[in-house]
Amino acid sequence: MSRLNVIVLAVGGFAIAASLPYAVQAQSGDALAHAEATCVEQGVGPRTIPFEACVGRAARAYDLGAPEAATAEAHTVSDASKACLSNDVEPMTLDYRLCMANEADRLMASRDDGR
């Protein structure tokens, strides 16, 4: 193995190891079950990018003891998905994931401002 390959592997390994604590967010089984049901109720179908995002966001809210916030998160993800699809962003792509994240954050911020 060449020296350059070893350096690339080492740097890549450190980058992955450094990002893991930020990527892993454990949720309780009960919160996940409630989150999945809430997402389906809001029209976010399983085995899709929006469903993954919805369950993650709603489960965090359930773990914090905020079921109303979980429903709001699910509704936000549903609206974000519709917005991305209406902008002709292809589902199951990185652009779609980015659009979903940006749109959901924008919608939550605008709803928080409207309180």
N, C-alpha and C. Protein backbone atom coordinates (compact mmCIF):
# COMPACT_ATOMS: atom_id res chain seq x y z
N MET A 1 0.86 -1.17 0.00
CA MET A 1 0.00 0.00 0.00
C MET A 1 0.91 1.23 0.00
N SER A 2 0.60 2.16 -0.85
CA SER A 2 1.44 3.34 -0.95
C SER A 2 1.20 4.29 0.23
N ARG A 3 2.15 5.15 0.40
CA ARG A 3 2.08 6.11 1.51
C ARG A 3 0.85 7.01 1.40
N LEU A 4 0.52 7.42 0.17
CA LEU A 4 -0.65 8.27 -0.04
C LEU A 4 -1.94 7.56 0.35
N ASN A 5 -2.05 6.28 0.00
CA ASN A 5 -3.25 5.51 0.37
C ASN A 5 -3.40 5.41 1.88
N VAL A 6 -2.29 5.20 2.59
CA VAL A 6 -2.33 5.10 4.04
C VAL A 6 -2.78 6.43 4.65
N ILE A 7 -2.26 7.52 4.12
CA ILE A 7 -2.64 8.84 4.63
C ILE A 7 -4.12 9.11 4.39
N VAL A 8 -4.61 8.78 3.20
CA VAL A 8 -6.02 8.99 2.87
C VAL A 8 -6.91 8.14 3.78
N LEU A 9 -6.53 6.90 4.00
CA LEU A 9 -7.32 6.03 4.89
C LEU A 9 -7.31 6.55 6.32
N ALA A 10 -6.18 7.01 6.78
CA ALA A 10 -6.09 7.52 8.15
C ALA A 10 -6.94 8.77 8.33
N VAL A 11 -6.84 9.70 7.40
CA VAL A 11 -7.62 10.94 7.49
C VAL A 11 -9.11 10.63 7.40
N GLY A 12 -9.48 9.74 6.49
CA GLY A 12 -10.88 9.35 6.36
C GLY A 12 -11.40 8.68 7.62
N GLY A 13 -10.59 7.82 8.21
CA GLY A 13 -10.99 7.15 9.45
C GLY A 13 -11.20 8.13 10.59
N PHE A 14 -10.29 9.10 10.71
CA PHE A 14 -10.45 10.12 11.75
C PHE A 14 -11.70 10.96 11.52
N ALA A 15 -11.99 11.29 10.27
CA ALA A 15 -13.17 12.09 9.95
C ALA A 15 -14.44 11.35 10.32
N ILE A 16 -14.48 10.06 10.00
CA ILE A 16 -15.67 9.26 10.33
C ILE A 16 -15.82 9.13 11.84
N ALA A 17 -14.72 8.83 12.52
CA ALA A 17 -14.77 8.67 13.97
C ALA A 17 -15.18 9.97 14.66
N ALA A 18 -14.75 11.09 14.14
CA ALA A 18 -15.10 12.38 14.75
C ALA A 18 -16.55 12.74 14.54
N SER A 19 -17.15 12.28 13.44
CA SER A 19 -18.53 12.65 13.15
C SER A 19 -19.55 11.73 13.79
N LEU A 20 -19.16 10.55 14.23
CA LEU A 20 -20.11 9.60 14.80
C LEU A 20 -20.86 10.13 16.01
N PRO A 21 -20.23 10.79 16.97
CA PRO A 21 -21.01 11.27 18.11
C PRO A 21 -22.13 12.23 17.72
N TYR A 22 -21.95 12.95 16.62
CA TYR A 22 -22.98 13.89 16.18
C TYR A 22 -24.08 13.19 15.40
N ALA A 23 -23.75 12.08 14.75
CA ALA A 23 -24.73 11.39 13.91
C ALA A 23 -25.64 10.48 14.73
N VAL A 24 -25.14 9.92 15.82
CA VAL A 24 -25.89 8.95 16.59
C VAL A 24 -26.73 9.68 17.62
N GLN A 25 -28.03 9.48 17.53
CA GLN A 25 -28.94 10.05 18.50
C GLN A 25 -29.92 8.96 18.89
N ALA A 26 -29.67 8.34 20.00
CA ALA A 26 -30.49 7.22 20.43
C ALA A 26 -31.85 7.69 20.90
N GLN A 27 -32.86 6.95 20.49
CA GLN A 27 -34.21 7.22 20.95
C GLN A 27 -34.76 5.93 21.55
N SER A 28 -35.67 6.09 22.50
CA SER A 28 -36.25 4.91 23.13
C SER A 28 -37.18 4.22 22.14
N GLY A 29 -37.40 2.94 22.36
CA GLY A 29 -38.28 2.17 21.50
C GLY A 29 -39.70 2.70 21.49
N ASP A 30 -40.15 3.14 22.67
CA ASP A 30 -41.49 3.69 22.78
C ASP A 30 -41.62 4.97 21.95
N ALA A 31 -40.59 5.83 22.02
CA ALA A 31 -40.62 7.07 21.25
C ALA A 31 -40.61 6.78 19.75
N LEU A 32 -39.83 5.80 19.33
CA LEU A 32 -39.78 5.43 17.91
C LEU A 32 -41.13 4.89 17.43
N ALA A 33 -41.76 4.05 18.25
CA ALA A 33 -43.06 3.49 17.87
C ALA A 33 -44.11 4.60 17.72
N HIS A 34 -44.13 5.51 18.70
CA HIS A 34 -45.08 6.62 18.62
C HIS A 34 -44.76 7.52 17.42
N ALA A 35 -43.48 7.75 17.18
CA ALA A 35 -43.07 8.61 16.07
C ALA A 35 -43.50 8.01 14.73
N GLU A 36 -43.30 6.71 14.57
CA GLU A 36 -43.70 6.07 13.32
C GLU A 36 -45.21 6.21 13.09
N ALA A 37 -45.99 5.99 14.14
CA ALA A 37 -47.45 6.12 14.02
C ALA A 37 -47.84 7.56 13.69
N THR A 38 -47.19 8.51 14.34
CA THR A 38 -47.49 9.92 14.10
C THR A 38 -47.17 10.30 12.66
N CYS A 39 -46.05 9.83 12.16
CA CYS A 39 -45.65 10.15 10.79
C CYS A 39 -46.63 9.57 9.77
N VAL A 40 -47.05 8.34 10.00
CA VAL A 40 -48.03 7.73 9.09
C VAL A 40 -49.35 8.49 9.14
N GLU A 41 -49.76 8.92 10.34
CA GLU A 41 -50.99 9.70 10.47
C GLU A 41 -50.91 11.02 9.71
N GLN A 42 -49.71 11.59 9.61
CA GLN A 42 -49.53 12.86 8.89
C GLN A 42 -49.31 12.64 7.40
N GLY A 43 -49.42 11.39 6.94
CA GLY A 43 -49.33 11.11 5.51
C GLY A 43 -47.93 10.87 4.99
N VAL A 44 -46.98 10.62 5.89
CA VAL A 44 -45.61 10.34 5.47
C VAL A 44 -45.46 8.82 5.44
N GLY A 45 -45.33 8.28 4.23
CA GLY A 45 -45.28 6.83 4.05
C GLY A 45 -43.97 6.21 4.46
N PRO A 46 -44.02 4.96 4.92
CA PRO A 46 -42.80 4.27 5.34
C PRO A 46 -41.87 3.96 4.17
N ARG A 47 -40.62 3.68 4.52
CA ARG A 47 -39.56 3.32 3.57
C ARG A 47 -39.29 4.43 2.56
N THR A 48 -39.32 5.67 3.04
CA THR A 48 -39.01 6.82 2.19
C THR A 48 -38.06 7.75 2.95
N ILE A 49 -37.43 8.65 2.24
CA ILE A 49 -36.56 9.63 2.87
C ILE A 49 -37.35 10.51 3.85
N PRO A 50 -38.53 11.00 3.46
CA PRO A 50 -39.29 11.80 4.43
C PRO A 50 -39.66 11.02 5.70
N PHE A 51 -39.93 9.73 5.56
CA PHE A 51 -40.29 8.93 6.73
C PHE A 51 -39.12 8.85 7.70
N GLU A 52 -37.92 8.62 7.17
CA GLU A 52 -36.73 8.57 8.03
C GLU A 52 -36.55 9.89 8.78
N ALA A 53 -36.68 10.99 8.07
CA ALA A 53 -36.53 12.31 8.68
C ALA A 53 -37.64 12.55 9.71
N CYS A 54 -38.83 12.19 9.35
CA CYS A 54 -39.99 12.40 10.22
C CYS A 54 -39.83 11.61 11.52
N VAL A 55 -39.49 10.35 11.42
CA VAL A 55 -39.36 9.52 12.61
C VAL A 55 -38.26 10.05 13.51
N GLY A 56 -37.14 10.44 12.93
CA GLY A 56 -36.05 10.98 13.74
C GLY A 56 -36.45 12.23 14.50
N ARG A 57 -37.10 13.14 13.80
CA ARG A 57 -37.49 14.41 14.43
C ARG A 57 -38.59 14.20 15.46
N ALA A 58 -39.60 13.39 15.11
CA ALA A 58 -40.72 13.16 16.03
C ALA A 58 -40.27 12.36 17.26
N ALA A 59 -39.39 11.38 17.08
CA ALA A 59 -38.93 10.57 18.21
C ALA A 59 -38.16 11.43 19.21
N ARG A 60 -37.36 12.38 18.71
CA ARG A 60 -36.67 13.29 19.64
C ARG A 60 -37.68 14.06 20.48
N ALA A 61 -38.74 14.51 19.84
CA ALA A 61 -39.76 15.27 20.58
C ALA A 61 -40.46 14.37 21.60
N TYR A 62 -40.78 13.13 21.22
CA TYR A 62 -41.41 12.21 22.18
C TYR A 62 -40.47 11.92 23.35
N ASP A 63 -39.18 11.75 23.07
CA ASP A 63 -38.23 11.50 24.15
C ASP A 63 -38.16 12.69 25.11
N LEU A 64 -38.42 13.89 24.61
CA LEU A 64 -38.43 15.09 25.45
C LEU A 64 -39.77 15.29 26.15
N GLY A 65 -40.73 14.40 25.89
CA GLY A 65 -42.03 14.50 26.52
C GLY A 65 -42.93 15.55 25.90
N ALA A 66 -42.76 15.78 24.60
CA ALA A 66 -43.54 16.81 23.91
C ALA A 66 -44.29 16.21 22.72
N PRO A 67 -45.41 15.53 22.98
CA PRO A 67 -46.15 14.91 21.87
C PRO A 67 -46.70 15.92 20.87
N GLU A 68 -47.04 17.13 21.34
CA GLU A 68 -47.54 18.15 20.40
C GLU A 68 -46.43 18.57 19.45
N ALA A 69 -45.22 18.67 19.97
CA ALA A 69 -44.08 19.02 19.12
C ALA A 69 -43.79 17.90 18.12
N ALA A 70 -43.99 16.65 18.53
CA ALA A 70 -43.78 15.52 17.63
C ALA A 70 -44.75 15.58 16.46
N THR A 71 -46.00 15.91 16.74
CA THR A 71 -47.00 16.05 15.68
C THR A 71 -46.64 17.21 14.77
N ALA A 72 -46.18 18.31 15.34
CA ALA A 72 -45.76 19.46 14.54
C ALA A 72 -44.57 19.11 13.66
N GLU A 73 -43.62 18.35 14.19
CA GLU A 73 -42.47 17.92 13.39
C GLU A 73 -42.92 17.05 12.23
N ALA A 74 -43.83 16.12 12.48
CA ALA A 74 -44.32 15.24 11.43
C ALA A 74 -45.05 16.04 10.34
N HIS A 75 -45.84 16.99 10.76
CA HIS A 75 -46.56 17.85 9.81
C HIS A 75 -45.56 18.67 8.99
N THR A 76 -44.52 19.16 9.63
CA THR A 76 -43.50 19.94 8.95
C THR A 76 -42.78 19.11 7.90
N VAL A 77 -42.41 17.88 8.25
CA VAL A 77 -41.73 17.01 7.29
C VAL A 77 -42.65 16.70 6.11
N SER A 78 -43.91 16.48 6.38
CA SER A 78 -44.87 16.23 5.30
C SER A 78 -44.95 17.42 4.36
N ASP A 79 -45.04 18.62 4.92
CA ASP A 79 -45.07 19.83 4.09
C ASP A 79 -43.78 20.04 3.33
N ALA A 80 -42.64 19.75 3.98
CA ALA A 80 -41.34 19.89 3.33
C ALA A 80 -41.22 18.95 2.14
N SER A 81 -41.70 17.73 2.31
CA SER A 81 -41.66 16.75 1.22
C SER A 81 -42.48 17.22 0.03
N LYS A 82 -43.67 17.73 0.32
CA LYS A 82 -44.52 18.24 -0.75
C LYS A 82 -43.87 19.42 -1.47
N ALA A 83 -43.22 20.30 -0.71
CA ALA A 83 -42.55 21.46 -1.31
C ALA A 83 -41.40 21.02 -2.21
N CYS A 84 -40.61 20.06 -1.76
CA CYS A 84 -39.48 19.59 -2.57
C CYS A 84 -39.97 18.90 -3.84
N LEU A 85 -41.01 18.11 -3.71
CA LEU A 85 -41.55 17.44 -4.90
C LEU A 85 -42.16 18.44 -5.88
N SER A 86 -42.78 19.49 -5.35
CA SER A 86 -43.37 20.50 -6.24
C SER A 86 -42.31 21.32 -6.95
N ASN A 87 -41.08 21.33 -6.39
CA ASN A 87 -39.97 22.03 -7.04
C ASN A 87 -39.19 21.09 -7.97
N ASP A 88 -39.79 19.95 -8.28
CA ASP A 88 -39.20 18.96 -9.21
C ASP A 88 -37.85 18.43 -8.75
N VAL A 89 -37.65 18.31 -7.45
CA VAL A 89 -36.45 17.67 -6.93
C VAL A 89 -36.71 16.15 -6.94
N GLU A 90 -35.82 15.41 -7.56
CA GLU A 90 -36.00 13.96 -7.69
C GLU A 90 -35.89 13.28 -6.33
N PRO A 91 -36.89 12.47 -5.98
CA PRO A 91 -36.81 11.72 -4.72
C PRO A 91 -35.64 10.74 -4.74
N MET A 92 -35.20 10.35 -3.57
CA MET A 92 -34.13 9.37 -3.38
C MET A 92 -32.78 9.86 -3.90
N THR A 93 -32.57 11.18 -3.88
CA THR A 93 -31.29 11.75 -4.28
C THR A 93 -30.75 12.59 -3.12
N LEU A 94 -29.47 12.92 -3.20
CA LEU A 94 -28.87 13.79 -2.19
C LEU A 94 -29.53 15.17 -2.21
N ASP A 95 -29.84 15.67 -3.40
CA ASP A 95 -30.52 16.96 -3.51
C ASP A 95 -31.86 16.94 -2.76
N TYR A 96 -32.56 15.82 -2.84
CA TYR A 96 -33.85 15.70 -2.16
C TYR A 96 -33.64 15.73 -0.64
N ARG A 97 -32.63 14.99 -0.15
CA ARG A 97 -32.33 15.00 1.29
C ARG A 97 -32.01 16.42 1.76
N LEU A 98 -31.18 17.11 0.98
CA LEU A 98 -30.83 18.49 1.33
C LEU A 98 -32.05 19.40 1.30
N CYS A 99 -32.86 19.24 0.28
CA CYS A 99 -34.08 20.05 0.17
C CYS A 99 -34.99 19.79 1.37
N MET A 100 -35.15 18.51 1.74
CA MET A 100 -36.00 18.16 2.88
C MET A 100 -35.49 18.82 4.16
N ALA A 101 -34.20 18.73 4.41
CA ALA A 101 -33.64 19.30 5.63
C ALA A 101 -33.80 20.82 5.65
N ASN A 102 -33.48 21.46 4.54
CA ASN A 102 -33.58 22.92 4.48
C ASN A 102 -35.02 23.39 4.59
N GLU A 103 -35.90 22.72 3.87
CA GLU A 103 -37.31 23.12 3.87
C GLU A 103 -37.94 22.88 5.25
N ALA A 104 -37.63 21.77 5.89
CA ALA A 104 -38.19 21.48 7.21
C ALA A 104 -37.70 22.50 8.23
N ASP A 105 -36.41 22.84 8.17
CA ASP A 105 -35.88 23.85 9.09
C ASP A 105 -36.52 25.21 8.84
N ARG A 106 -36.70 25.55 7.57
CA ARG A 106 -37.32 26.84 7.22
C ARG A 106 -38.77 26.89 7.71
N LEU A 107 -39.50 25.80 7.52
CA LEU A 107 -40.90 25.77 7.95
C LEU A 107 -41.01 25.85 9.47
N MET A 108 -40.15 25.14 10.18
CA MET A 108 -40.19 25.20 11.65
C MET A 108 -39.86 26.60 12.14
N ALA A 109 -38.89 27.24 11.51
CA ALA A 109 -38.52 28.61 11.91
C ALA A 109 -39.68 29.58 11.65
N SER A 110 -40.34 29.43 10.51
CA SER A 110 -41.44 30.33 10.20
C SER A 110 -42.63 30.07 11.14
N ARG A 111 -42.85 28.82 11.54
CA ARG A 111 -43.93 28.51 12.48
C ARG A 111 -43.60 29.03 13.87
N ASP A 112 -42.31 28.95 14.24
CA ASP A 112 -41.90 29.48 15.55
C ASP A 112 -42.06 31.00 15.59
N ASP A 113 -41.78 31.67 14.46
CA ASP A 113 -41.93 33.13 14.39
C ASP A 113 -43.40 33.54 14.47
N GLY A 114 -44.30 32.67 14.04
CA GLY A 114 -45.72 32.98 14.01
C GLY A 114 -46.45 32.73 15.30
N ARG A 115 -45.74 32.34 16.34
CA ARG A 115 -46.40 32.03 17.62
C ARG A 115 -47.09 33.23 18.20
